[in-house]
């Protein structure tokens, strides 16, 4: 299990497979501006100039909307996850 540092967050993107009416599979999400992901792990947060810790606004299990192309893809065992910064999260889905 990955443990992110600082304001970084580990997420698992939902794989979306689009098909045409005739059944051809289109490249996944290449034209989308955002992606939906599930938060797997959260870092402790970032520090202010005075040294105070600012806790992240998301927690493990939250569904979030993330900018397309944000983060670094890594393998965690058999799972493919991404490490992103909290600033790359656009919204928490309710």
PDB file of N, CA and C in Angstrom:
ATOM      1  N   UNK A   1       0.847  -1.184   0.000  1.00  0.00           N
ATOM      2  CA  UNK A   1       0.000   0.000   0.000  1.00  0.00           C
ATOM      3  C   UNK A   1       0.892   1.245   0.000  1.00  0.00           C
ATOM      4  N   UNK A   2       0.585   2.159  -0.874  1.00  0.00           N
ATOM      5  CA  UNK A   2       1.328   3.414  -0.944  1.00  0.00           C
ATOM      6  C   UNK A   2       0.848   4.381   0.123  1.00  0.00           C
ATOM      7  N   UNK A   3       1.767   5.105   0.739  1.00  0.00           N
ATOM      8  CA  UNK A   3       1.428   6.135   1.716  1.00  0.00           C
ATOM      9  C   UNK A   3       1.940   7.461   1.152  1.00  0.00           C
ATOM     10  N   UNK A   4       1.033   8.304   0.661  1.00  0.00           N
ATOM     11  CA  UNK A   4       1.460   9.563   0.059  1.00  0.00           C
ATOM     12  C   UNK A   4       1.980  10.552   1.097  1.00  0.00           C
ATOM     13  N   UNK A   5       2.884  11.418   0.670  1.00  0.00           N
ATOM     14  CA  UNK A   5       3.463  12.431   1.544  1.00  0.00           C
ATOM     15  C   UNK A   5       2.853  13.797   1.255  1.00  0.00           C
ATOM     16  N   UNK A   6       2.829  14.639   2.258  1.00  0.00           N
ATOM     17  CA  UNK A   6       2.366  16.022   2.089  1.00  0.00           C
ATOM     18  C   UNK A   6       0.941  16.104   1.591  1.00  0.00           C
ATOM     19  N   UNK A   7       0.745  16.942   0.570  1.00  0.00           N
ATOM     20  CA  UNK A   7      -0.610  17.150   0.047  1.00  0.00           C
ATOM     21  C   UNK A   7      -0.930  16.221  -1.121  1.00  0.00           C
ATOM     22  N   UNK A   8      -0.198  15.137  -1.252  1.00  0.00           N
ATOM     23  CA  UNK A   8      -0.449  14.198  -2.341  1.00  0.00           C
ATOM     24  C   UNK A   8      -1.524  13.186  -1.958  1.00  0.00           C
ATOM     25  N   UNK A   9      -2.207  12.691  -2.975  1.00  0.00           N
ATOM     26  CA  UNK A   9      -3.333  11.787  -2.782  1.00  0.00           C
ATOM     27  C   UNK A   9      -3.214  10.659  -3.797  1.00  0.00           C
ATOM     28  N   UNK A  10      -3.453   9.433  -3.357  1.00  0.00           N
ATOM     29  CA  UNK A  10      -3.450   8.278  -4.253  1.00  0.00           C
ATOM     30  C   UNK A  10      -4.895   8.009  -4.665  1.00  0.00           C
ATOM     31  N   UNK A  11      -5.134   7.956  -5.982  1.00  0.00           N
ATOM     32  CA  UNK A  11      -6.479   7.713  -6.497  1.00  0.00           C
ATOM     33  C   UNK A  11      -6.448   6.575  -7.505  1.00  0.00           C
ATOM     34  N   UNK A  12      -7.597   5.956  -7.684  1.00  0.00           N
ATOM     35  CA  UNK A  12      -7.763   4.926  -8.710  1.00  0.00           C
ATOM     36  C   UNK A  12      -8.837   5.433  -9.663  1.00  0.00           C
ATOM     37  N   UNK A  13      -8.440   5.656 -10.916  1.00  0.00           N
ATOM     38  CA  UNK A  13      -9.375   6.169 -11.912  1.00  0.00           C
ATOM     39  C   UNK A  13     -10.320   5.086 -12.365  1.00  0.00           C
ATOM     40  N   UNK A  14     -11.565   5.482 -12.642  1.00  0.00           N
ATOM     41  CA  UNK A  14     -12.555   4.560 -13.185  1.00  0.00           C
ATOM     42  C   UNK A  14     -12.291   4.426 -14.673  1.00  0.00           C
ATOM     43  N   UNK A  15     -12.180   3.202 -15.133  1.00  0.00           N
ATOM     44  CA  UNK A  15     -11.949   2.955 -16.554  1.00  0.00           C
ATOM     45  C   UNK A  15     -13.277   3.078 -17.292  1.00  0.00           C
ATOM     46  N   UNK A  16     -13.315   3.983 -18.256  1.00  0.00           N
ATOM     47  CA  UNK A  16     -14.519   4.187 -19.055  1.00  0.00           C
ATOM     48  C   UNK A  16     -14.221   3.728 -20.470  1.00  0.00           C
ATOM     49  N   UNK A  17     -15.020   2.807 -20.941  1.00  0.00           N
ATOM     50  CA  UNK A  17     -14.824   2.282 -22.294  1.00  0.00           C
ATOM     51  C   UNK A  17     -16.011   2.705 -23.139  1.00  0.00           C
ATOM     52  N   UNK A  18     -15.738   3.518 -24.151  1.00  0.00           N
ATOM     53  CA  UNK A  18     -16.803   3.989 -25.027  1.00  0.00           C
ATOM     54  C   UNK A  18     -16.807   3.166 -26.301  1.00  0.00           C
ATOM     55  N   UNK A  19     -18.012   2.852 -26.779  1.00  0.00           N
ATOM     56  CA  UNK A  19     -18.131   2.111 -28.027  1.00  0.00           C
ATOM     57  C   UNK A  19     -19.045   2.869 -28.973  1.00  0.00           C
ATOM     58  N   UNK A  20     -18.823   2.669 -30.254  1.00  0.00           N
ATOM     59  CA  UNK A  20     -19.688   3.273 -31.261  1.00  0.00           C
ATOM     60  C   UNK A  20     -20.922   2.397 -31.430  1.00  0.00           C
ATOM     61  N   UNK A  21     -21.870   2.855 -32.241  1.00  0.00           N
ATOM     62  CA  UNK A  21     -23.088   2.089 -32.486  1.00  0.00           C
ATOM     63  C   UNK A  21     -22.787   0.741 -33.139  1.00  0.00           C
ATOM     64  N   UNK A  22     -21.710   0.684 -33.908  1.00  0.00           N
ATOM     65  CA  UNK A  22     -21.358  -0.572 -34.577  1.00  0.00           C
ATOM     66  C   UNK A  22     -20.499  -1.488 -33.716  1.00  0.00           C
ATOM     67  N   UNK A  23     -20.121  -1.035 -32.484  1.00  0.00           N
ATOM     68  CA  UNK A  23     -19.390  -1.890 -31.569  1.00  0.00           C
ATOM     69  C   UNK A  23     -17.901  -1.658 -31.485  1.00  0.00           C
ATOM     70  N   UNK A  24     -17.367  -0.660 -32.202  1.00  0.00           N
ATOM     71  CA  UNK A  24     -15.940  -0.361 -32.114  1.00  0.00           C
ATOM     72  C   UNK A  24     -15.630   0.338 -30.797  1.00  0.00           C
ATOM     73  N   UNK A  25     -14.542  -0.053 -30.152  1.00  0.00           N
ATOM     74  CA  UNK A  25     -14.138   0.556 -28.884  1.00  0.00           C
ATOM     75  C   UNK A  25     -13.298   1.782 -29.180  1.00  0.00           C
ATOM     76  N   UNK A  26     -13.677   2.933 -28.591  1.00  0.00           N
ATOM     77  CA  UNK A  26     -12.929   4.168 -28.771  1.00  0.00           C
ATOM     78  C   UNK A  26     -11.857   4.285 -27.698  1.00  0.00           C
ATOM     79  N   UNK A  27     -10.820   5.048 -27.987  1.00  0.00           N
ATOM     80  CA  UNK A  27      -9.762   5.283 -27.003  1.00  0.00           C
ATOM     81  C   UNK A  27     -10.368   5.921 -25.769  1.00  0.00           C
ATOM     82  N   UNK A  28     -10.077   5.358 -24.598  1.00  0.00           N
ATOM     83  CA  UNK A  28     -10.719   5.774 -23.355  1.00  0.00           C
ATOM     84  C   UNK A  28     -10.348   7.163 -22.892  1.00  0.00           C
ATOM     85  N   UNK A  29     -11.317   8.041 -22.840  1.00  0.00           N
ATOM     86  CA  UNK A  29     -11.160   9.343 -22.201  1.00  0.00           C
ATOM     87  C   UNK A  29     -10.187  10.302 -22.846  1.00  0.00           C
ATOM     88  N   UNK A  30      -9.801  10.082 -24.094  1.00  0.00           N
ATOM     89  CA  UNK A  30      -8.811  10.962 -24.696  1.00  0.00           C
ATOM     90  C   UNK A  30      -9.372  12.348 -24.980  1.00  0.00           C
ATOM     91  N   UNK A  31     -10.677  12.468 -25.094  1.00  0.00           N
ATOM     92  CA  UNK A  31     -11.276  13.764 -25.400  1.00  0.00           C
ATOM     93  C   UNK A  31     -11.947  14.409 -24.192  1.00  0.00           C
ATOM     94  N   UNK A  32     -11.974  13.737 -23.082  1.00  0.00           N
ATOM     95  CA  UNK A  32     -12.627  14.278 -21.895  1.00  0.00           C
ATOM     96  C   UNK A  32     -11.724  15.255 -21.165  1.00  0.00           C
ATOM     97  N   UNK A  33     -12.327  16.259 -20.532  1.00  0.00           N
ATOM     98  CA  UNK A  33     -11.558  17.249 -19.773  1.00  0.00           C
ATOM     99  C   UNK A  33     -11.346  16.801 -18.332  1.00  0.00           C
ATOM    100  N   UNK A  34     -12.227  15.921 -17.829  1.00  0.00           N
ATOM    101  CA  UNK A  34     -12.124  15.465 -16.449  1.00  0.00           C
ATOM    102  C   UNK A  34     -12.311  13.957 -16.370  1.00  0.00           C
ATOM    103  N   UNK A  35     -11.872  13.368 -15.240  1.00  0.00           N
ATOM    104  CA  UNK A  35     -12.028  11.941 -14.980  1.00  0.00           C
ATOM    105  C   UNK A  35     -12.584  11.758 -13.574  1.00  0.00           C
ATOM    106  N   UNK A  36     -13.291  10.659 -13.368  1.00  0.00           N
ATOM    107  CA  UNK A  36     -13.795  10.308 -12.049  1.00  0.00           C
ATOM    108  C   UNK A  36     -12.847   9.302 -11.422  1.00  0.00           C
ATOM    109  N   UNK A  37     -12.555   9.493 -10.125  1.00  0.00           N
ATOM    110  CA  UNK A  37     -11.624   8.601  -9.424  1.00  0.00           C
ATOM    111  C   UNK A  37     -12.103   8.365  -8.003  1.00  0.00           C
ATOM    112  N   UNK A  38     -11.600   7.291  -7.411  1.00  0.00           N
ATOM    113  CA  UNK A  38     -11.846   6.978  -6.009  1.00  0.00           C
ATOM    114  C   UNK A  38     -10.556   7.203  -5.235  1.00  0.00           C
ATOM    115  N   UNK A  39     -10.646   7.909  -4.106  1.00  0.00           N
ATOM    116  CA  UNK A  39      -9.481   8.186  -3.276  1.00  0.00           C
ATOM    117  C   UNK A  39      -9.112   6.909  -2.527  1.00  0.00           C
ATOM    118  N   UNK A  40      -7.844   6.488  -2.667  1.00  0.00           N
ATOM    119  CA  UNK A  40      -7.361   5.276  -2.014  1.00  0.00           C
ATOM    120  C   UNK A  40      -6.627   5.619  -0.718  1.00  0.00           C
ATOM    121  N   UNK A  41      -5.760   6.639  -0.767  1.00  0.00           N
ATOM    122  CA  UNK A  41      -4.990   7.050   0.409  1.00  0.00           C
ATOM    123  C   UNK A  41      -4.724   8.550   0.330  1.00  0.00           C
ATOM    124  N   UNK A  42      -4.571   9.158   1.506  1.00  0.00           N
ATOM    125  CA  UNK A  42      -4.393  10.613   1.600  1.00  0.00           C
ATOM    126  C   UNK A  42      -3.174  10.914   2.455  1.00  0.00           C
ATOM    127  N   UNK A  43      -2.366  11.889   2.028  1.00  0.00           N
ATOM    128  CA  UNK A  43      -1.225  12.347   2.813  1.00  0.00           C
ATOM    129  C   UNK A  43      -1.681  13.154   4.017  1.00  0.00           C
ATOM    130  N   UNK A  44      -0.739  13.569   4.846  1.00  0.00           N
ATOM    131  CA  UNK A  44      -1.103  14.290   6.074  1.00  0.00           C
ATOM    132  C   UNK A  44      -1.523  15.726   5.828  1.00  0.00           C
ATOM    133  N   UNK A  45      -1.215  16.284   4.678  1.00  0.00           N
ATOM    134  CA  UNK A  45      -1.590  17.653   4.351  1.00  0.00           C
ATOM    135  C   UNK A  45      -0.366  18.510   4.111  1.00  0.00           C
ATOM    136  N   UNK A  46      -0.592  19.783   3.879  1.00  0.00           N
ATOM    137  CA  UNK A  46       0.524  20.693   3.618  1.00  0.00           C
ATOM    138  C   UNK A  46       0.749  21.608   4.820  1.00  0.00           C
ATOM    139  N   UNK A  47       1.900  22.220   4.858  1.00  0.00           N
ATOM    140  CA  UNK A  47       2.253  23.120   5.956  1.00  0.00           C
ATOM    141  C   UNK A  47       2.237  24.561   5.469  1.00  0.00           C
ATOM    142  N   UNK A  48       1.787  25.466   6.342  1.00  0.00           N
ATOM    143  CA  UNK A  48       1.807  26.886   6.034  1.00  0.00           C
ATOM    144  C   UNK A  48       3.195  27.436   6.317  1.00  0.00           C
ATOM    145  N   UNK A  49       3.410  28.703   6.032  1.00  0.00           N
ATOM    146  CA  UNK A  49       4.706  29.326   6.299  1.00  0.00           C
ATOM    147  C   UNK A  49       5.044  29.346   7.786  1.00  0.00           C
ATOM    148  N   UNK A  50       4.024  29.345   8.633  1.00  0.00           N
ATOM    149  CA  UNK A  50       4.251  29.347  10.074  1.00  0.00           C
ATOM    150  C   UNK A  50       4.403  27.937  10.644  1.00  0.00           C
ATOM    151  N   UNK A  51       4.271  26.911   9.779  1.00  0.00           N
ATOM    152  CA  UNK A  51       4.451  25.536  10.224  1.00  0.00           C
ATOM    153  C   UNK A  51       3.184  24.817  10.619  1.00  0.00           C
ATOM    154  N   UNK A  52       2.032  25.472  10.502  1.00  0.00           N
ATOM    155  CA  UNK A  52       0.766  24.820  10.853  1.00  0.00           C
ATOM    156  C   UNK A  52       0.387  23.812   9.767  1.00  0.00           C
ATOM    157  N   UNK A  53      -0.164  22.694  10.189  1.00  0.00           N
ATOM    158  CA  UNK A  53      -0.575  21.647   9.264  1.00  0.00           C
ATOM    159  C   UNK A  53      -2.002  21.903   8.796  1.00  0.00           C
ATOM    160  N   UNK A  54      -2.196  21.931   7.475  1.00  0.00           N
ATOM    161  CA  UNK A  54      -3.526  22.089   6.891  1.00  0.00           C
ATOM    162  C   UNK A  54      -3.944  20.718   6.377  1.00  0.00           C
ATOM    163  N   UNK A  55      -4.954  20.145   7.018  1.00  0.00           N
ATOM    164  CA  UNK A  55      -5.414  18.799   6.668  1.00  0.00           C
ATOM    165  C   UNK A  55      -6.085  18.803   5.294  1.00  0.00           C
ATOM    166  N   UNK A  56      -5.976  17.701   4.546  1.00  0.00           N
ATOM    167  CA  UNK A  56      -6.638  17.616   3.243  1.00  0.00           C
ATOM    168  C   UNK A  56      -8.158  17.626   3.396  1.00  0.00           C
ATOM    169  N   UNK A  57      -8.842  18.061   2.343  1.00  0.00           N
ATOM    170  CA  UNK A  57     -10.300  18.155   2.402  1.00  0.00           C
ATOM    171  C   UNK A  57     -10.992  16.899   1.879  1.00  0.00           C
ATOM    172  N   UNK A  58     -10.240  15.868   1.514  1.00  0.00           N
ATOM    173  CA  UNK A  58     -10.819  14.598   1.077  1.00  0.00           C
ATOM    174  C   UNK A  58     -10.304  13.484   1.972  1.00  0.00           C
ATOM    175  N   UNK A  59     -11.007  12.366   1.948  1.00  0.00           N
ATOM    176  CA  UNK A  59     -10.562  11.210   2.726  1.00  0.00           C
ATOM    177  C   UNK A  59     -10.701   9.953   1.868  1.00  0.00           C
ATOM    178  N   UNK A  60     -10.088   8.876   2.312  1.00  0.00           N
ATOM    179  CA  UNK A  60     -10.129   7.615   1.579  1.00  0.00           C
ATOM    180  C   UNK A  60     -11.569   7.177   1.376  1.00  0.00           C
ATOM    181  N   UNK A  61     -11.883   6.736   0.173  1.00  0.00           N
ATOM    182  CA  UNK A  61     -13.232   6.292  -0.156  1.00  0.00           C
ATOM    183  C   UNK A  61     -14.056   7.333  -0.884  1.00  0.00           C
ATOM    184  N   UNK A  62     -13.644   8.596  -0.863  1.00  0.00           N
ATOM    185  CA  UNK A  62     -14.380   9.658  -1.561  1.00  0.00           C
ATOM    186  C   UNK A  62     -14.262   9.473  -3.071  1.00  0.00           C
ATOM    187  N   UNK A  63     -15.342   9.820  -3.785  1.00  0.00           N
ATOM    188  CA  UNK A  63     -15.316   9.869  -5.247  1.00  0.00           C
ATOM    189  C   UNK A  63     -15.049  11.316  -5.623  1.00  0.00           C
ATOM    190  N   UNK A  64     -14.061  11.523  -6.501  1.00  0.00           N
ATOM    191  CA  UNK A  64     -13.657  12.878  -6.854  1.00  0.00           C
ATOM    192  C   UNK A  64     -13.593  13.050  -8.370  1.00  0.00           C
ATOM    193  N   UNK A  65     -13.629  14.296  -8.795  1.00  0.00           N
ATOM    194  CA  UNK A  65     -13.480  14.672 -10.189  1.00  0.00           C
ATOM    195  C   UNK A  65     -12.107  15.304 -10.343  1.00  0.00           C
ATOM    196  N   UNK A  66     -11.277  14.759 -11.248  1.00  0.00           N
ATOM    197  CA  UNK A  66      -9.882  15.161 -11.384  1.00  0.00           C
ATOM    198  C   UNK A  66      -9.630  15.644 -12.815  1.00  0.00           C
ATOM    199  N   UNK A  67      -8.756  16.627 -12.961  1.00  0.00           N
ATOM    200  CA  UNK A  67      -8.370  17.103 -14.285  1.00  0.00           C
ATOM    201  C   UNK A  67      -7.743  15.969 -15.078  1.00  0.00           C
ATOM    202  N   UNK A  68      -8.061  15.901 -16.359  1.00  0.00           N
ATOM    203  CA  UNK A  68      -7.480  14.875 -17.228  1.00  0.00           C
ATOM    204  C   UNK A  68      -5.989  15.155 -17.408  1.00  0.00           C
ATOM    205  N   UNK A  69      -5.163  14.132 -17.285  1.00  0.00           N
ATOM    206  CA  UNK A  69      -3.726  14.280 -17.450  1.00  0.00           C
ATOM    207  C   UNK A  69      -2.986  14.625 -16.169  1.00  0.00           C
ATOM    208  N   UNK A  70      -3.694  14.798 -15.076  1.00  0.00           N
ATOM    209  CA  UNK A  70      -3.050  15.143 -13.804  1.00  0.00           C
ATOM    210  C   UNK A  70      -2.478  13.895 -13.154  1.00  0.00           C
ATOM    211  N   UNK A  71      -1.363  14.040 -12.484  1.00  0.00           N
ATOM    212  CA  UNK A  71      -0.815  12.969 -11.681  1.00  0.00           C
ATOM    213  C   UNK A  71       0.205  12.099 -12.371  1.00  0.00           C
ATOM    214  N   UNK A  72       0.691  11.158 -11.586  1.00  0.00           N
ATOM    215  CA  UNK A  72       1.722  10.217 -12.017  1.00  0.00           C
ATOM    216  C   UNK A  72       1.169   8.805 -11.839  1.00  0.00           C
ATOM    217  N   UNK A  73       1.140   8.028 -12.918  1.00  0.00           N
ATOM    218  CA  UNK A  73       0.623   6.661 -12.857  1.00  0.00           C
ATOM    219  C   UNK A  73       1.694   5.731 -12.300  1.00  0.00           C
ATOM    220  N   UNK A  74       1.311   4.901 -11.321  1.00  0.00           N
ATOM    221  CA  UNK A  74       2.221   3.933 -10.720  1.00  0.00           C
ATOM    222  C   UNK A  74       1.490   2.610 -10.515  1.00  0.00           C
ATOM    223  N   UNK A  75       2.258   1.535 -10.323  1.00  0.00           N
ATOM    224  CA  UNK A  75       1.678   0.230 -10.010  1.00  0.00           C
ATOM    225  C   UNK A  75       1.854  -0.023  -8.525  1.00  0.00           C
ATOM    226  N   UNK A  76       0.777  -0.415  -7.860  1.00  0.00           N
ATOM    227  CA  UNK A  76       0.803  -0.784  -6.451  1.00  0.00           C
ATOM    228  C   UNK A  76       0.358  -2.237  -6.383  1.00  0.00           C
ATOM    229  N   UNK A  77       1.306  -3.142  -6.438  1.00  0.00           N
ATOM    230  CA  UNK A  77       0.965  -4.559  -6.533  1.00  0.00           C
ATOM    231  C   UNK A  77       0.395  -4.824  -7.913  1.00  0.00           C
ATOM    232  N   UNK A  78      -0.836  -5.310  -7.965  1.00  0.00           N
ATOM    233  CA  UNK A  78      -1.502  -5.552  -9.244  1.00  0.00           C
ATOM    234  C   UNK A  78      -2.372  -4.378  -9.672  1.00  0.00           C
ATOM    235  N   UNK A  79      -2.544  -3.396  -8.795  1.00  0.00           N
ATOM    236  CA  UNK A  79      -3.407  -2.254  -9.083  1.00  0.00           C
ATOM    237  C   UNK A  79      -2.648  -1.134  -9.780  1.00  0.00           C
ATOM    238  N   UNK A  80      -3.314  -0.468 -10.695  1.00  0.00           N
ATOM    239  CA  UNK A  80      -2.765   0.727 -11.343  1.00  0.00           C
ATOM    240  C   UNK A  80      -3.426   1.936 -10.680  1.00  0.00           C
ATOM    241  N   UNK A  81      -2.642   2.755 -10.013  1.00  0.00           N
ATOM    242  CA  UNK A  81      -3.154   3.935  -9.313  1.00  0.00           C
ATOM    243  C   UNK A  81      -2.385   5.162  -9.780  1.00  0.00           C
ATOM    244  N   UNK A  82      -2.866   6.330  -9.396  1.00  0.00           N
ATOM    245  CA  UNK A  82      -2.203   7.586  -9.737  1.00  0.00           C
ATOM    246  C   UNK A  82      -1.981   8.393  -8.476  1.00  0.00           C
ATOM    247  N   UNK A  83      -0.860   9.106  -8.434  1.00  0.00           N
ATOM    248  CA  UNK A  83      -0.569  10.018  -7.332  1.00  0.00           C
ATOM    249  C   UNK A  83      -0.773  11.433  -7.852  1.00  0.00           C
ATOM    250  N   UNK A  84      -1.681  12.167  -7.211  1.00  0.00           N
ATOM    251  CA  UNK A  84      -1.997  13.528  -7.631  1.00  0.00           C
ATOM    252  C   UNK A  84      -1.845  14.470  -6.447  1.00  0.00           C
ATOM    253  N   UNK A  85      -1.846  15.754  -6.723  1.00  0.00           N
ATOM    254  CA  UNK A  85      -1.868  16.758  -5.659  1.00  0.00           C
ATOM    255  C   UNK A  85      -3.323  17.115  -5.363  1.00  0.00           C
ATOM    256  N   UNK A  86      -3.570  17.572  -4.163  1.00  0.00           N
ATOM    257  CA  UNK A  86      -4.942  17.936  -3.786  1.00  0.00           C
ATOM    258  C   UNK A  86      -5.480  19.039  -4.703  1.00  0.00           C
ATOM    259  N   UNK A  87      -4.612  19.916  -5.180  1.00  0.00           N
ATOM    260  CA  UNK A  87      -5.039  21.009  -6.061  1.00  0.00           C
ATOM    261  C   UNK A  87      -5.564  20.519  -7.404  1.00  0.00           C
ATOM    262  N   UNK A  88      -5.232  19.266  -7.803  1.00  0.00           N
ATOM    263  CA  UNK A  88      -5.720  18.715  -9.067  1.00  0.00           C
ATOM    264  C   UNK A  88      -7.160  18.218  -8.965  1.00  0.00           C
ATOM    265  N   UNK A  89      -7.679  18.135  -7.747  1.00  0.00           N
ATOM    266  CA  UNK A  89      -9.061  17.693  -7.546  1.00  0.00           C
ATOM    267  C   UNK A  89      -9.985  18.885  -7.737  1.00  0.00           C
ATOM    268  N   UNK A  90     -10.956  18.716  -8.639  1.00  0.00           N
ATOM    269  CA  UNK A  90     -11.884  19.798  -8.945  1.00  0.00           C
ATOM    270  C   UNK A  90     -13.115  19.782  -8.045  1.00  0.00           C
ATOM    271  N   UNK A  91     -13.593  18.580  -7.680  1.00  0.00           N
ATOM    272  CA  UNK A  91     -14.802  18.489  -6.869  1.00  0.00           C
ATOM    273  C   UNK A  91     -14.890  17.109  -6.226  1.00  0.00           C
ATOM    274  N   UNK A  92     -15.626  17.042  -5.134  1.00  0.00           N
ATOM    275  CA  UNK A  92     -15.958  15.781  -4.496  1.00  0.00           C
ATOM    276  C   UNK A  92     -17.386  15.438  -4.918  1.00  0.00           C
ATOM    277  N   UNK A  93     -17.591  14.234  -5.453  1.00  0.00           N
ATOM    278  CA  UNK A  93     -18.913  13.824  -5.903  1.00  0.00           C
ATOM    279  C   UNK A  93     -19.717  13.302  -4.721  1.00  0.00           C
ATOM    280  N   UNK A  94     -20.943  13.751  -4.619  1.00  0.00           N
ATOM    281  CA  UNK A  94     -21.809  13.336  -3.505  1.00  0.00           C
ATOM    282  C   UNK A  94     -22.598  12.107  -3.842  1.00  0.00           C
TER     283      UNK A  94
END
